[in-house]
Amino acid sequence: MEYRAELFDKCIWQADVFLRGKFIEYAYESVRVSPFYVPSSDPVSDVLFVTNQLIDRRQFCLWQRLLECFNLKVDFWDTERYHGLSTDVRTGSRHEVSWTGRYAGRFILYPHANVQLLHPMDIVQHFYGDSWQNEVPTDHGSSLLMLLPADGSVPRTAFEFCRHSCVVSQPKPVTPAEYGGRHLTKPTGSSCVGKPSHLKREKKLTQNFNNTSPFVHFLCDRTLNFEKAEGFLKYSYGQVDIRRLPLARPARLHIVEGACSHPV
C-alpha cells in the first residue's frame, strides 16, 4: 500500500503470492484512508465532523480549510469505518466509544448526510440533553448542519425529519366539541380522512396550541376519524392526537438540500 497516503485518499493494496520463489498469483483492492474517532475531553472539540465514503480528499481539504479559518478544533467520526452513526448497523447497538452526548453546545457538521443512520432522539439530546421532556427545555446552544442529496428521498425540513419518532408521549387534550363541526347532514362514509372539514379543524387546533408559546412546536400526529352526532347539527369527527415536538423553534438545526459536495 502507498506509504504516503493521507486522510480520505484512496490507495491500492496488493498482495503477491510466490511458490518456491516463483510468482504465481496476485490480488489487489482499493483502500480508503479514514480517521479514527479520538474524542478530545479537555476541552471538548468545537466541531464533530461526520464523514463517509462519499468524502474525497479534495472535499475534505475544502472543509478543513474553512474550519481552520475559524480556528476550530475538530473530531472526526467516519460512518464507513464505524459502520453507522447513532448505532452499529451490523448489531443495532451503541458503539463502545460513542459521540452521543459529548458535544453539547458544539457544532456537528454532516456532509453527504444519510439521515437513516442518525436517530432523531440523538439530535434532540444534542440540543437539550434530558431537559427535552420539559415544557420549555434548556437550550445548550448546540448546532447541527446536514447537507442532503437533491434526489427528494429524505425529509427536507427539521420538523419533518424529527416528527416521526420524536413526538412526546402524551397528546394534548382535545374535546369532541373542539374536533367537530356543524353539518346539515351527517358526513358520509366511515372515514373522513382528507376531507376539508377535518383538515381545517386539525389545522386550527394545531395553530391554537402553537400560539400558546413562541418556543415550542405542536403538530397533528394522527387522527382516528369516525362521525358521531353531539347535538342539533353538531358532529364530532373522532379523535385527534396533537403532540409537542421536543425540537423547539429556536433550535439551530439546518438542513440544506443539494449541497453535499462543497462548503456552503
C-alpha atoms as a PDB file:
ATOM      1  CA  MET A   1       0.000   0.000   0.000  1.00  0.00           C
ATOM      2  CA  GLU A   2       1.162   3.547  -0.685  1.00  0.00           C
ATOM      3  CA  TYR A   3       3.083   4.707   2.381  1.00  0.00           C
ATOM      4  CA  ARG A   4       2.412   8.420   1.888  1.00  0.00           C
ATOM      5  CA  ALA A   5      -1.365   8.124   1.858  1.00  0.00           C
ATOM      6  CA  GLU A   6      -3.278  10.951   3.531  1.00  0.00           C
ATOM      7  CA  LEU A   7      -6.755  11.156   5.018  1.00  0.00           C
ATOM      8  CA  PHE A   8      -9.521  10.374   2.536  1.00  0.00           C
ATOM      9  CA  ASP A   9      -7.121   9.238  -0.147  1.00  0.00           C
ATOM     10  CA  LYS A  10      -7.958   6.007  -1.958  1.00  0.00           C
ATOM     11  CA  CYS A  11      -4.983   3.701  -2.292  1.00  0.00           C
ATOM     12  CA  ILE A  12      -4.266   0.345  -3.857  1.00  0.00           C
ATOM     13  CA  TRP A  13      -3.430  -2.601  -1.587  1.00  0.00           C
ATOM     14  CA  GLN A  14      -1.804  -5.523  -3.354  1.00  0.00           C
ATOM     15  CA  ALA A  15      -0.693  -8.977  -2.211  1.00  0.00           C
ATOM     16  CA  ASP A  16       1.608 -11.175  -4.279  1.00  0.00           C
ATOM     17  CA  VAL A  17       1.784 -14.964  -3.870  1.00  0.00           C
ATOM     18  CA  PHE A  18       5.008 -16.840  -4.585  1.00  0.00           C
ATOM     19  CA  LEU A  19       5.559 -20.615  -4.708  1.00  0.00           C
ATOM     20  CA  ARG A  20       9.151 -21.834  -4.383  1.00  0.00           C
ATOM     21  CA  GLY A  21      10.340 -18.362  -5.283  1.00  0.00           C
ATOM     22  CA  LYS A  22       8.130 -18.095  -8.369  1.00  0.00           C
ATOM     23  CA  PHE A  23       5.352 -15.535  -8.640  1.00  0.00           C
ATOM     24  CA  ILE A  24       2.049 -17.344  -9.261  1.00  0.00           C
ATOM     25  CA  GLU A  25      -0.810 -15.033  -8.278  1.00  0.00           C
ATOM     26  CA  TYR A  26      -1.727 -11.594  -7.019  1.00  0.00           C
ATOM     27  CA  ALA A  27      -4.768  -9.781  -5.614  1.00  0.00           C
ATOM     28  CA  TYR A  28      -5.438  -6.100  -5.138  1.00  0.00           C
ATOM     29  CA  GLU A  29      -8.122  -3.940  -3.600  1.00  0.00           C
ATOM     30  CA  SER A  30      -8.878  -0.252  -3.164  1.00  0.00           C
ATOM     31  CA  VAL A  31      -8.424   1.013   0.393  1.00  0.00           C
ATOM     32  CA  ARG A  32      -9.866   4.282   1.706  1.00  0.00           C
ATOM     33  CA  VAL A  33      -7.885   6.146   4.366  1.00  0.00           C
ATOM     34  CA  SER A  34     -10.301   7.275   7.079  1.00  0.00           C
ATOM     35  CA  PRO A  35      -9.694   8.832  10.511  1.00  0.00           C
ATOM     36  CA  PHE A  36     -10.067   7.223  13.916  1.00  0.00           C
ATOM     37  CA  TYR A  37     -12.509   8.736  16.382  1.00  0.00           C
ATOM     38  CA  VAL A  38     -10.354  10.089  19.207  1.00  0.00           C
ATOM     39  CA  PRO A  39     -12.563  12.493  21.179  1.00  0.00           C
ATOM     40  CA  SER A  40     -10.919  15.362  22.993  1.00  0.00           C
ATOM     41  CA  SER A  41     -12.102  15.844  26.546  1.00  0.00           C
ATOM     42  CA  ASP A  42     -10.210  18.856  27.925  1.00  0.00           C
ATOM     43  CA  PRO A  43     -11.584  20.887  26.338  1.00  0.00           C
ATOM     44  CA  VAL A  44     -14.191  19.204  24.152  1.00  0.00           C
ATOM     45  CA  SER A  45     -13.603  19.874  20.451  1.00  0.00           C
ATOM     46  CA  ASP A  46     -15.606  22.648  18.815  1.00  0.00           C
ATOM     47  CA  VAL A  47     -16.787  20.506  15.892  1.00  0.00           C
ATOM     48  CA  LEU A  48     -17.727  16.900  15.232  1.00  0.00           C
ATOM     49  CA  PHE A  49     -17.133  16.345  11.513  1.00  0.00           C
ATOM     50  CA  VAL A  50     -19.132  13.299  10.322  1.00  0.00           C
ATOM     51  CA  THR A  51     -17.618  11.770   7.187  1.00  0.00           C
ATOM     52  CA  ASN A  52     -18.332   8.789   4.954  1.00  0.00           C
ATOM     53  CA  GLN A  53     -17.197   7.108   1.751  1.00  0.00           C
ATOM     54  CA  LEU A  54     -18.540   9.995  -0.363  1.00  0.00           C
ATOM     55  CA  ILE A  55     -15.997  12.451   1.087  1.00  0.00           C
ATOM     56  CA  ASP A  56     -12.887  12.541  -1.070  1.00  0.00           C
ATOM     57  CA  ARG A  57      -9.546  14.205  -0.392  1.00  0.00           C
ATOM     58  CA  ARG A  58     -10.444  17.374  -2.272  1.00  0.00           C
ATOM     59  CA  GLN A  59     -13.710  17.914  -0.401  1.00  0.00           C
ATOM     60  CA  PHE A  60     -12.030  17.197   2.920  1.00  0.00           C
ATOM     61  CA  CYS A  61      -9.349  19.816   2.246  1.00  0.00           C
ATOM     62  CA  LEU A  62     -12.032  22.415   1.437  1.00  0.00           C
ATOM     63  CA  TRP A  63     -13.873  21.764   4.682  1.00  0.00           C
ATOM     64  CA  GLN A  64     -10.637  21.625   6.671  1.00  0.00           C
ATOM     65  CA  ARG A  65      -9.510  24.974   5.297  1.00  0.00           C
ATOM     66  CA  LEU A  66     -12.844  26.550   6.183  1.00  0.00           C
ATOM     67  CA  LEU A  67     -12.770  25.197   9.757  1.00  0.00           C
ATOM     68  CA  GLU A  68      -9.153  26.269  10.227  1.00  0.00           C
ATOM     69  CA  CYS A  69     -10.093  29.818   9.242  1.00  0.00           C
ATOM     70  CA  PHE A  70     -12.245  29.935  12.381  1.00  0.00           C
ATOM     71  CA  ASN A  71      -9.549  28.222  14.476  1.00  0.00           C
ATOM     72  CA  LEU A  72     -11.907  25.365  15.369  1.00  0.00           C
ATOM     73  CA  LYS A  73     -10.780  22.127  16.988  1.00  0.00           C
ATOM     74  CA  VAL A  74     -12.286  19.131  15.174  1.00  0.00           C
ATOM     75  CA  ASP A  75     -13.082  15.490  15.957  1.00  0.00           C
ATOM     76  CA  PHE A  76     -13.908  13.039  13.170  1.00  0.00           C
ATOM     77  CA  TRP A  77     -16.458  10.253  13.009  1.00  0.00           C
ATOM     78  CA  ASP A  78     -16.437   8.157   9.849  1.00  0.00           C
ATOM     79  CA  THR A  79     -19.648   6.212   9.295  1.00  0.00           C
ATOM     80  CA  GLU A  80     -17.988   3.679   6.998  1.00  0.00           C
ATOM     81  CA  ARG A  81     -15.207   2.880   9.479  1.00  0.00           C
ATOM     82  CA  TYR A  82     -17.605   2.588  12.425  1.00  0.00           C
ATOM     83  CA  HIS A  83     -20.499   1.012  10.486  1.00  0.00           C
ATOM     84  CA  GLY A  84     -23.028   3.685  11.344  1.00  0.00           C
ATOM     85  CA  LEU A  85     -23.538   6.873  13.290  1.00  0.00           C
ATOM     86  CA  SER A  86     -26.032   6.507  16.125  1.00  0.00           C
ATOM     87  CA  THR A  87     -25.591   2.728  16.285  1.00  0.00           C
ATOM     88  CA  ASP A  88     -23.581  -0.024  14.649  1.00  0.00           C
ATOM     89  CA  VAL A  89     -25.812  -1.113  11.755  1.00  0.00           C
ATOM     90  CA  ARG A  90     -24.469  -4.669  11.984  1.00  0.00           C
ATOM     91  CA  THR A  91     -25.660  -5.189  15.563  1.00  0.00           C
ATOM     92  CA  GLY A  92     -28.128  -2.364  16.219  1.00  0.00           C
ATOM     93  CA  SER A  93     -26.292  -1.497  19.448  1.00  0.00           C
ATOM     94  CA  ARG A  94     -24.406   1.601  20.513  1.00  0.00           C
ATOM     95  CA  HIS A  95     -20.717   1.846  19.784  1.00  0.00           C
ATOM     96  CA  GLU A  96     -18.350   1.114  22.651  1.00  0.00           C
ATOM     97  CA  VAL A  97     -16.966   4.642  22.291  1.00  0.00           C
ATOM     98  CA  SER A  98     -19.754   6.862  21.008  1.00  0.00           C
ATOM     99  CA  TRP A  99     -20.018  10.514  20.055  1.00  0.00           C
ATOM    100  CA  THR A 100     -23.546  10.861  21.505  1.00  0.00           C
ATOM    101  CA  GLY A 101     -23.833  13.179  24.487  1.00  0.00           C
ATOM    102  CA  ARG A 102     -20.320  14.603  24.058  1.00  0.00           C
ATOM    103  CA  TYR A 103     -20.966  17.738  22.029  1.00  0.00           C
ATOM    104  CA  ALA A 104     -23.473  19.829  23.978  1.00  0.00           C
ATOM    105  CA  GLY A 105     -23.022  23.431  22.953  1.00  0.00           C
ATOM    106  CA  ARG A 106     -20.880  22.392  19.985  1.00  0.00           C
ATOM    107  CA  PHE A 107     -21.303  22.134  16.211  1.00  0.00           C
ATOM    108  CA  ILE A 108     -21.934  18.886  14.304  1.00  0.00           C
ATOM    109  CA  LEU A 109     -21.173  19.008  10.581  1.00  0.00           C
ATOM    110  CA  TYR A 110     -22.580  16.200   8.404  1.00  0.00           C
ATOM    111  CA  PRO A 111     -21.979  16.496   4.625  1.00  0.00           C
ATOM    112  CA  HIS A 112     -23.449  13.789   2.395  1.00  0.00           C
ATOM    113  CA  ALA A 113     -25.821  13.090   5.268  1.00  0.00           C
ATOM    114  CA  ASN A 114     -27.556   9.724   5.458  1.00  0.00           C
ATOM    115  CA  VAL A 115     -30.422  10.517   7.816  1.00  0.00           C
ATOM    116  CA  GLN A 116     -31.250   6.822   8.252  1.00  0.00           C
ATOM    117  CA  LEU A 117     -28.046   6.461  10.281  1.00  0.00           C
ATOM    118  CA  LEU A 118     -28.950   9.270  12.682  1.00  0.00           C
ATOM    119  CA  HIS A 119     -31.595   8.665  15.338  1.00  0.00           C
ATOM    120  CA  PRO A 120     -33.824  11.740  15.759  1.00  0.00           C
ATOM    121  CA  MET A 121     -33.617  11.490  19.551  1.00  0.00           C
ATOM    122  CA  ASP A 122     -29.827  11.864  19.332  1.00  0.00           C
ATOM    123  CA  ILE A 123     -30.454  15.218  17.670  1.00  0.00           C
ATOM    124  CA  VAL A 124     -32.804  16.232  20.464  1.00  0.00           C
ATOM    125  CA  GLN A 125     -30.271  15.139  23.109  1.00  0.00           C
ATOM    126  CA  HIS A 126     -27.603  17.149  21.290  1.00  0.00           C
ATOM    127  CA  PHE A 127     -29.651  20.315  21.680  1.00  0.00           C
ATOM    128  CA  TYR A 128     -31.263  19.843  25.103  1.00  0.00           C
ATOM    129  CA  GLY A 129     -29.904  16.804  26.894  1.00  0.00           C
ATOM    130  CA  ASP A 130     -32.545  15.235  29.144  1.00  0.00           C
ATOM    131  CA  SER A 131     -34.386  18.551  29.544  1.00  0.00           C
ATOM    132  CA  TRP A 132     -36.185  17.981  26.210  1.00  0.00           C
ATOM    133  CA  GLN A 133     -39.026  16.431  28.228  1.00  0.00           C
ATOM    134  CA  ASN A 134     -39.717  19.762  29.929  1.00  0.00           C
ATOM    135  CA  GLU A 135     -42.344  22.097  28.530  1.00  0.00           C
ATOM    136  CA  VAL A 136     -39.546  24.638  27.957  1.00  0.00           C
ATOM    137  CA  PRO A 137     -36.281  22.659  27.563  1.00  0.00           C
ATOM    138  CA  THR A 138     -32.863  24.089  28.407  1.00  0.00           C
ATOM    139  CA  ASP A 139     -31.091  25.121  25.225  1.00  0.00           C
ATOM    140  CA  HIS A 140     -27.410  24.087  25.292  1.00  0.00           C
ATOM    141  CA  GLY A 141     -26.537  26.360  22.389  1.00  0.00           C
ATOM    142  CA  SER A 142     -25.733  23.426  20.113  1.00  0.00           C
ATOM    143  CA  SER A 143     -25.954  23.462  16.322  1.00  0.00           C
ATOM    144  CA  LEU A 144     -26.154  20.892  13.527  1.00  0.00           C
ATOM    145  CA  LEU A 145     -25.731  21.258   9.768  1.00  0.00           C
ATOM    146  CA  MET A 146     -26.751  18.403   7.459  1.00  0.00           C
ATOM    147  CA  LEU A 147     -26.176  18.569   3.707  1.00  0.00           C
ATOM    148  CA  LEU A 148     -28.524  16.262   1.825  1.00  0.00           C
ATOM    149  CA  PRO A 149     -28.653  14.889  -1.712  1.00  0.00           C
ATOM    150  CA  ALA A 150     -31.071  16.521  -4.122  1.00  0.00           C
ATOM    151  CA  ASP A 151     -32.982  13.365  -5.038  1.00  0.00           C
ATOM    152  CA  GLY A 152     -36.017  14.059  -2.830  1.00  0.00           C
ATOM    153  CA  SER A 153     -35.641  10.781  -0.954  1.00  0.00           C
ATOM    154  CA  VAL A 154     -35.345  12.252   2.555  1.00  0.00           C
ATOM    155  CA  PRO A 155     -37.203  14.858   4.641  1.00  0.00           C
ATOM    156  CA  ARG A 156     -36.354  18.438   3.793  1.00  0.00           C
ATOM    157  CA  THR A 157     -37.151  20.309   6.995  1.00  0.00           C
ATOM    158  CA  ALA A 158     -36.126  19.953  10.594  1.00  0.00           C
ATOM    159  CA  PHE A 159     -39.688  19.389  11.798  1.00  0.00           C
ATOM    160  CA  GLU A 160     -40.414  16.847   9.057  1.00  0.00           C
ATOM    161  CA  PHE A 161     -37.227  14.966   9.908  1.00  0.00           C
ATOM    162  CA  CYS A 162     -37.966  14.758  13.632  1.00  0.00           C
ATOM    163  CA  ARG A 163     -41.729  14.315  13.681  1.00  0.00           C
ATOM    164  CA  HIS A 164     -41.949  10.566  13.120  1.00  0.00           C
ATOM    165  CA  SER A 165     -40.144   9.342  16.231  1.00  0.00           C
ATOM    166  CA  CYS A 166     -39.631  12.454  18.300  1.00  0.00           C
ATOM    167  CA  VAL A 167     -43.093  13.472  19.464  1.00  0.00           C
ATOM    168  CA  VAL A 168     -43.619  13.452  23.206  1.00  0.00           C
ATOM    169  CA  SER A 169     -45.667  10.569  24.557  1.00  0.00           C
ATOM    170  CA  GLN A 170     -48.739  12.447  25.795  1.00  0.00           C
ATOM    171  CA  PRO A 171     -51.132  14.172  23.352  1.00  0.00           C
ATOM    172  CA  LYS A 172     -52.772  17.470  24.209  1.00  0.00           C
ATOM    173  CA  PRO A 173     -56.371  17.087  25.405  1.00  0.00           C
ATOM    174  CA  VAL A 174     -58.958  17.801  22.706  1.00  0.00           C
ATOM    175  CA  THR A 175     -62.684  17.538  23.417  1.00  0.00           C
ATOM    176  CA  PRO A 176     -65.227  16.170  20.899  1.00  0.00           C
ATOM    177  CA  ALA A 177     -66.693  19.643  20.617  1.00  0.00           C
ATOM    178  CA  GLU A 178     -63.307  21.089  19.632  1.00  0.00           C
ATOM    179  CA  TYR A 179     -62.725  18.396  16.996  1.00  0.00           C
ATOM    180  CA  GLY A 180     -66.091  18.706  15.293  1.00  0.00           C
ATOM    181  CA  GLY A 181     -68.346  20.953  13.287  1.00  0.00           C
ATOM    182  CA  ARG A 182     -71.861  21.783  12.180  1.00  0.00           C
ATOM    183  CA  HIS A 183     -73.413  19.920   9.239  1.00  0.00           C
ATOM    184  CA  LEU A 184     -76.917  19.805   7.811  1.00  0.00           C
ATOM    185  CA  THR A 185     -76.496  16.058   7.300  1.00  0.00           C
ATOM    186  CA  LYS A 186     -74.180  13.519   8.831  1.00  0.00           C
ATOM    187  CA  PRO A 187     -70.835  13.358   6.985  1.00  0.00           C
ATOM    188  CA  THR A 188     -70.921  10.297   4.736  1.00  0.00           C
ATOM    189  CA  GLY A 189     -68.516   7.362   4.878  1.00  0.00           C
ATOM    190  CA  SER A 190     -66.829   5.599   7.748  1.00  0.00           C
ATOM    191  CA  SER A 191     -63.656   7.657   7.340  1.00  0.00           C
ATOM    192  CA  CYS A 192     -63.324  11.336   6.621  1.00  0.00           C
ATOM    193  CA  VAL A 193     -59.542  11.474   6.361  1.00  0.00           C
ATOM    194  CA  GLY A 194     -58.584  14.168   3.909  1.00  0.00           C
ATOM    195  CA  LYS A 195     -61.957  15.912   3.877  1.00  0.00           C
ATOM    196  CA  PRO A 196     -61.746  19.712   4.149  1.00  0.00           C
ATOM    197  CA  SER A 197     -63.836  19.977   7.322  1.00  0.00           C
ATOM    198  CA  HIS A 198     -61.496  17.657   9.214  1.00  0.00           C
ATOM    199  CA  LEU A 199     -58.304  19.119   7.807  1.00  0.00           C
ATOM    200  CA  LYS A 200     -59.355  22.675   8.581  1.00  0.00           C
ATOM    201  CA  ARG A 201     -60.276  21.735  12.150  1.00  0.00           C
ATOM    202  CA  GLU A 202     -56.957  19.889  12.667  1.00  0.00           C
ATOM    203  CA  LYS A 203     -55.028  22.863  11.276  1.00  0.00           C
ATOM    204  CA  LYS A 204     -56.941  25.274  13.527  1.00  0.00           C
ATOM    205  CA  LEU A 205     -56.371  23.182  16.659  1.00  0.00           C
ATOM    206  CA  THR A 206     -52.658  22.856  15.917  1.00  0.00           C
ATOM    207  CA  GLN A 207     -52.381  26.587  15.294  1.00  0.00           C
ATOM    208  CA  ASN A 208     -54.115  27.339  18.602  1.00  0.00           C
ATOM    209  CA  PHE A 209     -51.614  25.213  20.535  1.00  0.00           C
ATOM    210  CA  ASN A 210     -48.689  26.761  18.655  1.00  0.00           C
ATOM    211  CA  ASN A 211     -49.949  30.230  19.557  1.00  0.00           C
ATOM    212  CA  THR A 212     -49.676  29.399  23.252  1.00  0.00           C
ATOM    213  CA  SER A 213     -45.876  29.521  23.122  1.00  0.00           C
ATOM    214  CA  PRO A 214     -43.371  31.017  20.667  1.00  0.00           C
ATOM    215  CA  PHE A 215     -40.795  28.459  21.813  1.00  0.00           C
ATOM    216  CA  VAL A 216     -42.339  25.025  21.246  1.00  0.00           C
ATOM    217  CA  HIS A 217     -43.983  23.493  18.196  1.00  0.00           C
ATOM    218  CA  PHE A 218     -47.077  21.280  18.034  1.00  0.00           C
ATOM    219  CA  LEU A 219     -48.230  19.047  15.193  1.00  0.00           C
ATOM    220  CA  CYS A 220     -51.115  16.748  14.360  1.00  0.00           C
ATOM    221  CA  ASP A 221     -49.573  13.331  14.810  1.00  0.00           C
ATOM    222  CA  ARG A 222     -52.500  11.106  13.879  1.00  0.00           C
ATOM    223  CA  THR A 223     -56.295  11.015  13.629  1.00  0.00           C
ATOM    224  CA  LEU A 224     -58.972   8.379  14.130  1.00  0.00           C
ATOM    225  CA  ASN A 225     -61.971   9.571  12.175  1.00  0.00           C
ATOM    226  CA  PHE A 226     -65.495   8.467  12.891  1.00  0.00           C
ATOM    227  CA  GLU A 227     -68.547  10.712  12.883  1.00  0.00           C
ATOM    228  CA  LYS A 228     -70.831  10.981  15.884  1.00  0.00           C
ATOM    229  CA  ALA A 229     -73.801  13.246  16.497  1.00  0.00           C
ATOM    230  CA  GLU A 230     -73.278  15.521  19.501  1.00  0.00           C
ATOM    231  CA  GLY A 231     -76.429  17.623  19.242  1.00  0.00           C
ATOM    232  CA  PHE A 232     -78.560  19.518  16.762  1.00  0.00           C
ATOM    233  CA  LEU A 233     -76.475  19.765  13.542  1.00  0.00           C
ATOM    234  CA  LYS A 234     -73.335  19.104  15.608  1.00  0.00           C
ATOM    235  CA  TYR A 235     -70.970  16.264  14.825  1.00  0.00           C
ATOM    236  CA  SER A 236     -67.647  15.244  16.263  1.00  0.00           C
ATOM    237  CA  TYR A 237     -65.078  13.927  13.784  1.00  0.00           C
ATOM    238  CA  GLY A 238     -63.492  11.354  16.071  1.00  0.00           C
ATOM    239  CA  GLN A 239     -60.135  11.552  17.852  1.00  0.00           C
ATOM    240  CA  VAL A 240     -57.086  13.626  17.061  1.00  0.00           C
ATOM    241  CA  ASP A 241     -53.605  13.477  18.635  1.00  0.00           C
ATOM    242  CA  ILE A 242     -51.828  16.814  18.751  1.00  0.00           C
ATOM    243  CA  ARG A 243     -48.394  16.491  20.296  1.00  0.00           C
ATOM    244  CA  ARG A 244     -45.394  18.656  21.019  1.00  0.00           C
ATOM    245  CA  LEU A 245     -42.127  18.218  19.201  1.00  0.00           C
ATOM    246  CA  PRO A 246     -39.173  18.185  21.586  1.00  0.00           C
ATOM    247  CA  LEU A 247     -37.249  20.173  18.972  1.00  0.00           C
ATOM    248  CA  ALA A 248     -38.021  23.800  19.791  1.00  0.00           C
ATOM    249  CA  ARG A 249     -38.402  26.596  17.267  1.00  0.00           C
ATOM    250  CA  PRO A 250     -35.057  28.355  18.008  1.00  0.00           C
ATOM    251  CA  ALA A 251     -33.044  25.114  17.539  1.00  0.00           C
ATOM    252  CA  ARG A 252     -30.078  25.672  15.233  1.00  0.00           C
ATOM    253  CA  LEU A 253     -30.738  22.641  13.050  1.00  0.00           C
ATOM    254  CA  HIS A 254     -30.075  23.458   9.409  1.00  0.00           C
ATOM    255  CA  ILE A 255     -30.880  21.028   6.588  1.00  0.00           C
ATOM    256  CA  VAL A 256     -29.597  22.027   3.158  1.00  0.00           C
ATOM    257  CA  GLU A 257     -30.707  20.168   0.045  1.00  0.00           C
ATOM    258  CA  GLY A 258     -28.397  19.501  -2.876  1.00  0.00           C
ATOM    259  CA  ALA A 259     -25.239  20.968  -1.298  1.00  0.00           C
ATOM    260  CA  CYS A 260     -23.329  17.801  -0.456  1.00  0.00           C
ATOM    261  CA  SER A 261     -20.092  18.326  -2.301  1.00  0.00           C
ATOM    262  CA  HIS A 262     -18.816  21.708  -1.220  1.00  0.00           C
ATOM    263  CA  PRO A 263     -18.904  24.045   1.803  1.00  0.00           C
ATOM    264  CA  VAL A 264     -21.865  26.417   1.789  1.00  0.00           C
END
